[in-house]
PDB file of N, CA and C in Angstrom:
ATOM      1  N   MET A   1      68.825  10.903 -29.685  1.00  0.00           N
ATOM      2  CA  MET A   1      67.850  10.458 -29.217  1.00  0.00           C
ATOM      3  C   MET A   1      67.166   9.566 -30.962  1.00  0.00           C
ATOM      4  N   GLY A   2      67.235   8.453 -30.946  1.00  0.00           N
ATOM      5  CA  GLY A   2      67.003   7.512 -32.115  1.00  0.00           C
ATOM      6  C   GLY A   2      65.483   8.628 -33.220  1.00  0.00           C
ATOM      7  N   LYS A   3      65.635   7.828 -34.167  1.00  0.00           N
ATOM      8  CA  LYS A   3      65.189   8.542 -35.103  1.00  0.00           C
ATOM      9  C   LYS A   3      62.760   7.907 -35.047  1.00  0.00           C
ATOM     10  N   ALA A   4      62.368   8.495 -35.516  1.00  0.00           N
ATOM     11  CA  ALA A   4      61.046   8.762 -35.376  1.00  0.00           C
ATOM     12  C   ALA A   4      60.530   7.262 -36.585  1.00  0.00           C
ATOM     13  N   LEU A   5      59.863   6.559 -35.949  1.00  0.00           N
ATOM     14  CA  LEU A   5      59.503   5.623 -36.678  1.00  0.00           C
ATOM     15  C   LEU A   5      57.611   5.699 -37.451  1.00  0.00           C
ATOM     16  N   ASN A   6      57.550   5.268 -38.436  1.00  0.00           N
ATOM     17  CA  ASN A   6      56.341   5.303 -39.020  1.00  0.00           C
ATOM     18  C   ASN A   6      55.297   4.310 -38.313  1.00  0.00           C
ATOM     19  N   ILE A   7      54.370   4.133 -37.984  1.00  0.00           N
ATOM     20  CA  ILE A   7      53.412   3.382 -37.002  1.00  0.00           C
ATOM     21  C   ILE A   7      52.250   3.336 -38.279  1.00  0.00           C
ATOM     22  N   ARG A   8      52.033   1.893 -38.479  1.00  0.00           N
ATOM     23  CA  ARG A   8      50.988   1.354 -39.516  1.00  0.00           C
ATOM     24  C   ARG A   8      49.539   1.991 -38.314  1.00  0.00           C
ATOM     25  N   GLN A   9      48.658   2.516 -39.470  1.00  0.00           N
ATOM     26  CA  GLN A   9      47.517   3.142 -39.828  1.00  0.00           C
ATOM     27  C   GLN A   9      46.160   2.169 -39.699  1.00  0.00           C
ATOM     28  N   ASP A  10      46.448   0.638 -39.907  1.00  0.00           N
ATOM     29  CA  ASP A  10      45.476   0.079 -40.350  1.00  0.00           C
ATOM     30  C   ASP A  10      44.881  -0.768 -38.991  1.00  0.00           C
ATOM     31  N   TYR A  11      45.875  -0.745 -37.932  1.00  0.00           N
ATOM     32  CA  TYR A  11      45.332  -1.127 -36.246  1.00  0.00           C
ATOM     33  C   TYR A  11      45.422   0.562 -35.757  1.00  0.00           C
ATOM     34  N   THR A  12      44.307   0.263 -34.744  1.00  0.00           N
ATOM     35  CA  THR A  12      43.861   0.673 -33.577  1.00  0.00           C
ATOM     36  C   THR A  12      44.393   0.010 -32.531  1.00  0.00           C
ATOM     37  N   ALA A  13      44.619   0.976 -31.361  1.00  0.00           N
ATOM     38  CA  ALA A  13      45.049   0.936 -30.252  1.00  0.00           C
ATOM     39  C   ALA A  13      43.543  -0.237 -29.515  1.00  0.00           C
ATOM     40  N   ASP A  14      42.672  -0.146 -29.981  1.00  0.00           N
ATOM     41  CA  ASP A  14      41.915  -0.582 -29.501  1.00  0.00           C
ATOM     42  C   ASP A  14      41.931  -2.452 -29.919  1.00  0.00           C
ATOM     43  N   ASP A  15      42.327  -2.453 -31.135  1.00  0.00           N
ATOM     44  CA  ASP A  15      42.839  -3.518 -31.887  1.00  0.00           C
ATOM     45  C   ASP A  15      43.967  -4.152 -31.444  1.00  0.00           C
ATOM     46  N   LEU A  16      45.019  -3.215 -31.237  1.00  0.00           N
ATOM     47  CA  LEU A  16      46.365  -4.296 -30.590  1.00  0.00           C
ATOM     48  C   LEU A  16      45.761  -4.705 -29.415  1.00  0.00           C
ATOM     49  N   ARG A  17      44.735  -4.398 -28.077  1.00  0.00           N
ATOM     50  CA  ARG A  17      44.583  -4.488 -26.959  1.00  0.00           C
ATOM     51  C   ARG A  17      43.904  -5.957 -27.154  1.00  0.00           C
ATOM     52  N   GLN A  18      43.111  -5.924 -28.162  1.00  0.00           N
ATOM     53  CA  GLN A  18      42.023  -7.398 -28.354  1.00  0.00           C
ATOM     54  C   GLN A  18      42.811  -8.416 -28.716  1.00  0.00           C
ATOM     55  N   LEU A  19      43.844  -8.405 -30.014  1.00  0.00           N
ATOM     56  CA  LEU A  19      45.025  -9.076 -30.195  1.00  0.00           C
ATOM     57  C   LEU A  19      45.595  -9.407 -29.080  1.00  0.00           C
ATOM     58  N   ALA A  20      45.914  -8.829 -28.477  1.00  0.00           N
ATOM     59  CA  ALA A  20      46.977  -9.345 -27.221  1.00  0.00           C
ATOM     60  C   ALA A  20      46.380 -10.296 -25.904  1.00  0.00           C
ATOM     61  N   ARG A  21      45.063  -9.849 -26.026  1.00  0.00           N
ATOM     62  CA  ARG A  21      44.027 -10.894 -25.382  1.00  0.00           C
ATOM     63  C   ARG A  21      44.273 -12.394 -25.456  1.00  0.00           C
ATOM     64  N   LYS A  22      43.923 -11.797 -26.858  1.00  0.00           N
ATOM     65  CA  LYS A  22      43.594 -13.481 -27.957  1.00  0.00           C
ATOM     66  C   LYS A  22      44.913 -14.392 -27.618  1.00  0.00           C
ATOM     67  N   SER A  23      45.903 -13.564 -27.711  1.00  0.00           N
ATOM     68  CA  SER A  23      47.547 -14.036 -27.784  1.00  0.00           C
ATOM     69  C   SER A  23      47.845 -15.159 -26.834  1.00  0.00           C
ATOM     70  N   ARG A  24      48.553 -15.932 -26.789  1.00  0.00           N
ATOM     71  CA  ARG A  24      48.893 -17.133 -26.119  1.00  0.00           C
ATOM     72  C   ARG A  24      50.254 -16.892 -25.403  1.00  0.00           C
ATOM     73  N   ASP A  25      51.073 -16.236 -26.175  1.00  0.00           N
ATOM     74  CA  ASP A  25      52.411 -15.632 -26.007  1.00  0.00           C
ATOM     75  C   ASP A  25      52.338 -14.547 -25.189  1.00  0.00           C
ATOM     76  N   ALA A  26      53.169 -14.366 -24.073  1.00  0.00           N
ATOM     77  CA  ALA A  26      52.978 -13.414 -23.155  1.00  0.00           C
ATOM     78  C   ALA A  26      53.669 -12.145 -23.907  1.00  0.00           C
ATOM     79  N   ASP A  27      55.149 -12.562 -24.452  1.00  0.00           N
ATOM     80  CA  ASP A  27      55.959 -11.758 -24.877  1.00  0.00           C
ATOM     81  C   ASP A  27      55.287 -10.975 -26.072  1.00  0.00           C
ATOM     82  N   TRP A  28      54.461 -11.626 -26.566  1.00  0.00           N
ATOM     83  CA  TRP A  28      54.131 -10.866 -27.695  1.00  0.00           C
ATOM     84  C   TRP A  28      52.926  -9.873 -27.175  1.00  0.00           C
ATOM     85  N   SER A  29      52.357 -10.530 -26.209  1.00  0.00           N
ATOM     86  CA  SER A  29      51.092  -9.778 -25.773  1.00  0.00           C
ATOM     87  C   SER A  29      51.618  -8.472 -25.136  1.00  0.00           C
ATOM     88  N   ARG A  30      52.657  -8.626 -24.249  1.00  0.00           N
ATOM     89  CA  ARG A  30      53.019  -7.102 -23.465  1.00  0.00           C
ATOM     90  C   ARG A  30      53.597  -6.316 -24.548  1.00  0.00           C
ATOM     91  N   ARG A  31      54.291  -6.500 -25.917  1.00  0.00           N
ATOM     92  CA  ARG A  31      54.603  -5.782 -27.020  1.00  0.00           C
ATOM     93  C   ARG A  31      52.857  -5.294 -27.366  1.00  0.00           C
ATOM     94  N   LEU A  32      52.033  -5.895 -27.799  1.00  0.00           N
ATOM     95  CA  LEU A  32      51.153  -4.968 -28.138  1.00  0.00           C
ATOM     96  C   LEU A  32      50.361  -3.991 -27.855  1.00  0.00           C
ATOM     97  N   LEU A  33      50.523  -4.231 -26.138  1.00  0.00           N
ATOM     98  CA  LEU A  33      50.083  -3.568 -24.708  1.00  0.00           C
ATOM     99  C   LEU A  33      50.787  -2.104 -25.064  1.00  0.00           C
ATOM    100  N   ALA A  34      52.606  -2.415 -25.013  1.00  0.00           N
ATOM    101  CA  ALA A  34      52.575  -1.268 -25.297  1.00  0.00           C
ATOM    102  C   ALA A  34      52.763  -0.864 -26.815  1.00  0.00           C
ATOM    103  N   LEU A  35      52.552  -0.947 -27.732  1.00  0.00           N
ATOM    104  CA  LEU A  35      52.170  -0.463 -28.794  1.00  0.00           C
ATOM    105  C   LEU A  35      50.681   0.630 -28.996  1.00  0.00           C
ATOM    106  N   SER A  36      50.211   0.015 -28.129  1.00  0.00           N
ATOM    107  CA  SER A  36      48.584   0.510 -27.905  1.00  0.00           C
ATOM    108  C   SER A  36      48.811   1.515 -27.075  1.00  0.00           C
ATOM    109  N   VAL A  37      49.593   1.700 -25.971  1.00  0.00           N
ATOM    110  CA  VAL A  37      49.547   2.671 -25.585  1.00  0.00           C
ATOM    111  C   VAL A  37      50.426   3.847 -26.768  1.00  0.00           C
ATOM    112  N   ILE A  38      51.212   3.620 -26.907  1.00  0.00           N
ATOM    113  CA  ILE A  38      51.979   4.590 -27.932  1.00  0.00           C
ATOM    114  C   ILE A  38      51.142   5.335 -28.899  1.00  0.00           C
ATOM    115  N   TYR A  39      50.445   3.829 -29.392  1.00  0.00           N
ATOM    116  CA  TYR A  39      49.218   4.311 -30.399  1.00  0.00           C
ATOM    117  C   TYR A  39      48.219   5.887 -29.743  1.00  0.00           C
ATOM    118  N   GLU A  40      48.095   6.085 -28.820  1.00  0.00           N
ATOM    119  CA  GLU A  40      47.199   6.522 -28.024  1.00  0.00           C
ATOM    120  C   GLU A  40      48.017   7.814 -27.658  1.00  0.00           C
ATOM    121  N   ASP A  41      49.729   8.187 -28.113  1.00  0.00           N
ATOM    122  CA  ASP A  41      50.467   9.251 -27.848  1.00  0.00           C
ATOM    123  C   ASP A  41      50.233   9.489 -26.179  1.00  0.00           C
ATOM    124  N   GLY A  42      50.525   8.286 -25.578  1.00  0.00           N
ATOM    125  CA  GLY A  42      51.547   7.796 -24.418  1.00  0.00           C
ATOM    126  C   GLY A  42      53.341   7.913 -24.776  1.00  0.00           C
ATOM    127  N   SER A  43      53.580   8.082 -23.660  1.00  0.00           N
ATOM    128  CA  SER A  43      54.801   8.261 -24.118  1.00  0.00           C
ATOM    129  C   SER A  43      55.632   6.854 -24.056  1.00  0.00           C
ATOM    130  N   ARG A  44      57.180   6.824 -24.505  1.00  0.00           N
ATOM    131  CA  ARG A  44      57.590   5.290 -24.696  1.00  0.00           C
ATOM    132  C   ARG A  44      58.361   5.064 -23.247  1.00  0.00           C
ATOM    133  N   SER A  45      58.464   5.943 -21.915  1.00  0.00           N
ATOM    134  CA  SER A  45      58.445   5.280 -20.774  1.00  0.00           C
ATOM    135  C   SER A  45      57.274   5.035 -20.037  1.00  0.00           C
ATOM    136  N   LEU A  46      56.304   5.447 -20.652  1.00  0.00           N
ATOM    137  CA  LEU A  46      54.936   4.593 -20.153  1.00  0.00           C
ATOM    138  C   LEU A  46      54.696   3.476 -20.568  1.00  0.00           C
ATOM    139  N   ALA A  47      54.628   3.407 -22.280  1.00  0.00           N
ATOM    140  CA  ALA A  47      54.783   2.135 -22.625  1.00  0.00           C
ATOM    141  C   ALA A  47      55.819   0.593 -22.420  1.00  0.00           C
ATOM    142  N   ALA A  48      57.234   1.796 -21.839  1.00  0.00           N
ATOM    143  CA  ALA A  48      57.733   0.458 -21.400  1.00  0.00           C
ATOM    144  C   ALA A  48      57.619  -0.324 -19.990  1.00  0.00           C
TER     145      ALA A  48
END
């Protein structure tokens, strides 16, 4: 299994979802939504 990464604390899951809604780049929006799941203690498989 890989190493755990530190997650930035200056954004919340809600902030990331809001940024995803405003983004016009679909790939970037998907990444932000996946991170929002992880910020809420979701599993990596759920985020994928």
